[in-house]
Amino acid sequence: MRKLLTDAHVRLLRAMRGAIAADVWFDPWLGDPTAAGPSLVIEDFSSEPWASLTFMGMRHRVDIRLRGPRGEVENAYDRLRSLMTEPDIDLPGHFLAEIEMVDARGEIHADDSMQMSLRYEALTIEE
């Protein structure tokens, strides 16, 4: 069953994907995840309402999977860490208050390929 997406979540996912796709280094990563070569896939996402006394917004969780040769996965991890630290993400009607990689787990296979799972958490605020 497909998850219901909020406007903020759709915009955040599109903006993250756009920021990654704008980095030409990731071109080989964004093709068919079943094809040979490295892959970057958004595995899961969720969001929940958030509010303070003066602001309303959403807390988001985005899980990303990297798969490919070990060195390339390690480089992709480093690149994503720097790219998503303070990304220039445009979210019409919202602004990105924070985004942080909160978990990263890797598994090295016998053929020296690697799979890494990353979890990002973000907070968007309605303008």
C-alpha atoms as a PDB file:
ATOM      1  CA  MET A   1       0.000   0.000   0.000  1.00  0.00           C
ATOM      2  CA  ARG A   2       1.319   3.427  -0.928  1.00  0.00           C
ATOM      3  CA  LYS A   3       1.869   5.947   1.867  1.00  0.00           C
ATOM      4  CA  LEU A   4      -0.072   9.178   1.911  1.00  0.00           C
ATOM      5  CA  LEU A   5       2.312  12.053   1.378  1.00  0.00           C
ATOM      6  CA  THR A   6       1.950  15.559   2.710  1.00  0.00           C
ATOM      7  CA  ASP A   7       2.818  18.565   0.583  1.00  0.00           C
ATOM      8  CA  ALA A   8       5.882  19.245   2.755  1.00  0.00           C
ATOM      9  CA  HIS A   9       7.101  15.671   2.437  1.00  0.00           C
ATOM     10  CA  VAL A  10       6.733  15.592  -1.334  1.00  0.00           C
ATOM     11  CA  ARG A  11       8.594  18.887  -1.610  1.00  0.00           C
ATOM     12  CA  LEU A  12      11.382  17.711   0.706  1.00  0.00           C
ATOM     13  CA  LEU A  13      11.851  14.420  -1.182  1.00  0.00           C
ATOM     14  CA  ARG A  14      11.895  16.220  -4.538  1.00  0.00           C
ATOM     15  CA  ALA A  15      14.331  18.820  -3.218  1.00  0.00           C
ATOM     16  CA  MET A  16      16.697  16.197  -1.762  1.00  0.00           C
ATOM     17  CA  ARG A  17      16.578  14.226  -5.004  1.00  0.00           C
ATOM     18  CA  GLY A  18      17.159  17.438  -6.965  1.00  0.00           C
ATOM     19  CA  ALA A  19      20.162  18.415  -4.821  1.00  0.00           C
ATOM     20  CA  ILE A  20      21.692  14.957  -5.312  1.00  0.00           C
ATOM     21  CA  ALA A  21      20.898  14.895  -9.044  1.00  0.00           C
ATOM     22  CA  ALA A  22      22.471  18.362  -9.497  1.00  0.00           C
ATOM     23  CA  ASP A  23      25.828  16.900  -8.438  1.00  0.00           C
ATOM     24  CA  VAL A  24      27.088  15.273 -11.656  1.00  0.00           C
ATOM     25  CA  TRP A  25      29.237  12.907  -9.573  1.00  0.00           C
ATOM     26  CA  PHE A  26      26.009  11.044  -8.720  1.00  0.00           C
ATOM     27  CA  ASP A  27      24.913  10.554 -12.373  1.00  0.00           C
ATOM     28  CA  PRO A  28      25.926   6.851 -12.453  1.00  0.00           C
ATOM     29  CA  TRP A  29      24.130   6.301  -9.120  1.00  0.00           C
ATOM     30  CA  LEU A  30      20.675   7.463 -10.165  1.00  0.00           C
ATOM     31  CA  GLY A  31      19.884   4.943 -12.870  1.00  0.00           C
ATOM     32  CA  ASP A  32      18.177   1.576 -12.574  1.00  0.00           C
ATOM     33  CA  PRO A  33      18.879   0.150  -9.066  1.00  0.00           C
ATOM     34  CA  THR A  34      18.799  -3.411 -10.460  1.00  0.00           C
ATOM     35  CA  ALA A  35      21.449  -2.678 -13.097  1.00  0.00           C
ATOM     36  CA  ALA A  36      25.155  -3.285 -12.593  1.00  0.00           C
ATOM     37  CA  GLY A  37      26.979  -0.385 -11.027  1.00  0.00           C
ATOM     38  CA  PRO A  38      26.344   1.763  -7.995  1.00  0.00           C
ATOM     39  CA  SER A  39      22.835   2.712  -6.881  1.00  0.00           C
ATOM     40  CA  LEU A  40      21.214   5.251  -4.578  1.00  0.00           C
ATOM     41  CA  VAL A  41      17.616   4.485  -3.595  1.00  0.00           C
ATOM     42  CA  ILE A  42      15.218   6.195  -1.205  1.00  0.00           C
ATOM     43  CA  GLU A  43      14.013   3.182   0.752  1.00  0.00           C
ATOM     44  CA  ASP A  44      11.499   4.674   3.190  1.00  0.00           C
ATOM     45  CA  PHE A  45      10.173   7.954   4.493  1.00  0.00           C
ATOM     46  CA  SER A  46       7.772   9.185   7.113  1.00  0.00           C
ATOM     47  CA  SER A  47       6.656  12.459   8.563  1.00  0.00           C
ATOM     48  CA  GLU A  48       4.731  13.657  11.543  1.00  0.00           C
ATOM     49  CA  PRO A  49       3.313  17.050  12.519  1.00  0.00           C
ATOM     50  CA  TRP A  50       5.476  19.332  14.625  1.00  0.00           C
ATOM     51  CA  ALA A  51       4.602  22.600  16.351  1.00  0.00           C
ATOM     52  CA  SER A  52       6.079  25.131  18.721  1.00  0.00           C
ATOM     53  CA  LEU A  53       4.283  28.093  20.273  1.00  0.00           C
ATOM     54  CA  THR A  54       4.815  30.161  17.139  1.00  0.00           C
ATOM     55  CA  PHE A  55       5.521  27.740  14.262  1.00  0.00           C
ATOM     56  CA  MET A  56       3.937  24.731  12.577  1.00  0.00           C
ATOM     57  CA  GLY A  57       5.771  22.217  10.499  1.00  0.00           C
ATOM     58  CA  MET A  58       6.695  18.578   9.965  1.00  0.00           C
ATOM     59  CA  ARG A  59       9.447  16.264  11.204  1.00  0.00           C
ATOM     60  CA  HIS A  60      10.635  13.935   8.460  1.00  0.00           C
ATOM     61  CA  ARG A  61      12.665  10.732   8.329  1.00  0.00           C
ATOM     62  CA  VAL A  62      14.224   9.628   5.036  1.00  0.00           C
ATOM     63  CA  ASP A  63      16.073   6.304   4.630  1.00  0.00           C
ATOM     64  CA  ILE A  64      18.538   6.014   1.755  1.00  0.00           C
ATOM     65  CA  ARG A  65      20.379   2.904   0.536  1.00  0.00           C
ATOM     66  CA  LEU A  66      23.712   3.034  -1.276  1.00  0.00           C
ATOM     67  CA  ARG A  67      25.020  -0.068  -3.043  1.00  0.00           C
ATOM     68  CA  GLY A  68      28.106  -0.618  -5.171  1.00  0.00           C
ATOM     69  CA  PRO A  69      31.869  -1.093  -5.017  1.00  0.00           C
ATOM     70  CA  ARG A  70      33.169  -0.390  -1.518  1.00  0.00           C
ATOM     71  CA  GLY A  71      35.301   2.635  -2.440  1.00  0.00           C
ATOM     72  CA  GLU A  72      32.484   4.240  -4.412  1.00  0.00           C
ATOM     73  CA  VAL A  73      29.960   3.719  -1.596  1.00  0.00           C
ATOM     74  CA  GLU A  74      32.377   5.251   0.903  1.00  0.00           C
ATOM     75  CA  ASN A  75      32.894   8.243  -1.428  1.00  0.00           C
ATOM     76  CA  ALA A  76      29.129   8.614  -1.924  1.00  0.00           C
ATOM     77  CA  TYR A  77      28.635   8.581   1.843  1.00  0.00           C
ATOM     78  CA  ASP A  78      31.206  11.370   2.277  1.00  0.00           C
ATOM     79  CA  ARG A  79      29.680  13.366  -0.561  1.00  0.00           C
ATOM     80  CA  LEU A  80      26.135  13.040   0.842  1.00  0.00           C
ATOM     81  CA  ARG A  81      27.334  14.089   4.303  1.00  0.00           C
ATOM     82  CA  SER A  82      28.750  17.316   2.883  1.00  0.00           C
ATOM     83  CA  LEU A  83      25.947  17.886   0.354  1.00  0.00           C
ATOM     84  CA  MET A  84      23.140  17.532   2.901  1.00  0.00           C
ATOM     85  CA  THR A  85      24.804  19.443   5.742  1.00  0.00           C
ATOM     86  CA  GLU A  86      23.378  22.768   4.656  1.00  0.00           C
ATOM     87  CA  PRO A  87      21.767  22.062   1.319  1.00  0.00           C
ATOM     88  CA  ASP A  88      20.364  24.833  -0.826  1.00  0.00           C
ATOM     89  CA  ILE A  89      16.897  23.294  -0.851  1.00  0.00           C
ATOM     90  CA  ASP A  90      13.963  25.342  -2.097  1.00  0.00           C
ATOM     91  CA  LEU A  91      10.647  24.295  -0.519  1.00  0.00           C
ATOM     92  CA  PRO A  92       7.934  26.730  -1.665  1.00  0.00           C
ATOM     93  CA  GLY A  93       5.586  27.422   1.264  1.00  0.00           C
ATOM     94  CA  HIS A  94       8.044  25.857   3.723  1.00  0.00           C
ATOM     95  CA  PHE A  95      11.632  26.273   4.795  1.00  0.00           C
ATOM     96  CA  LEU A  96      14.124  23.672   5.839  1.00  0.00           C
ATOM     97  CA  ALA A  97      14.995  24.442   9.460  1.00  0.00           C
ATOM     98  CA  GLU A  98      17.387  21.505   9.869  1.00  0.00           C
ATOM     99  CA  ILE A  99      18.560  18.312   8.250  1.00  0.00           C
ATOM    100  CA  GLU A 100      20.945  15.781   9.736  1.00  0.00           C
ATOM    101  CA  MET A 101      22.250  12.301   9.004  1.00  0.00           C
ATOM    102  CA  VAL A 102      21.419  10.461  12.232  1.00  0.00           C
ATOM    103  CA  ASP A 103      22.417   6.899  11.352  1.00  0.00           C
ATOM    104  CA  ALA A 104      24.709   5.140   8.885  1.00  0.00           C
ATOM    105  CA  ARG A 105      25.242   1.383   8.738  1.00  0.00           C
ATOM    106  CA  GLY A 106      27.373  -0.431   6.220  1.00  0.00           C
ATOM    107  CA  GLU A 107      27.815  -4.041   5.234  1.00  0.00           C
ATOM    108  CA  ILE A 108      30.829  -5.216   3.219  1.00  0.00           C
ATOM    109  CA  HIS A 109      30.346  -8.283   1.041  1.00  0.00           C
ATOM    110  CA  ALA A 110      32.890 -10.969   0.071  1.00  0.00           C
ATOM    111  CA  ASP A 111      33.311  -9.447  -3.416  1.00  0.00           C
ATOM    112  CA  ASP A 112      34.315  -6.097  -1.787  1.00  0.00           C
ATOM    113  CA  SER A 113      31.005  -4.529  -2.708  1.00  0.00           C
ATOM    114  CA  MET A 114      29.183  -2.609  -0.023  1.00  0.00           C
ATOM    115  CA  GLN A 115      25.668  -1.692   0.978  1.00  0.00           C
ATOM    116  CA  MET A 116      25.091   1.247   3.288  1.00  0.00           C
ATOM    117  CA  SER A 117      21.862   2.430   4.887  1.00  0.00           C
ATOM    118  CA  LEU A 118      21.600   6.109   5.818  1.00  0.00           C
ATOM    119  CA  ARG A 119      18.891   7.822   7.826  1.00  0.00           C
ATOM    120  CA  TYR A 120      18.248  11.544   7.591  1.00  0.00           C
ATOM    121  CA  GLU A 121      15.953  13.522   9.844  1.00  0.00           C
ATOM    122  CA  ALA A 122      14.696  16.938   8.818  1.00  0.00           C
ATOM    123  CA  LEU A 123      12.419  19.658  10.121  1.00  0.00           C
ATOM    124  CA  THR A 124      10.397  21.815   7.749  1.00  0.00           C
ATOM    125  CA  ILE A 125       8.479  24.879   8.931  1.00  0.00           C
ATOM    126  CA  GLU A 126       5.456  26.380   7.187  1.00  0.00           C
ATOM    127  CA  GLU A 127       6.027  29.951   5.997  1.00  0.00           C
END
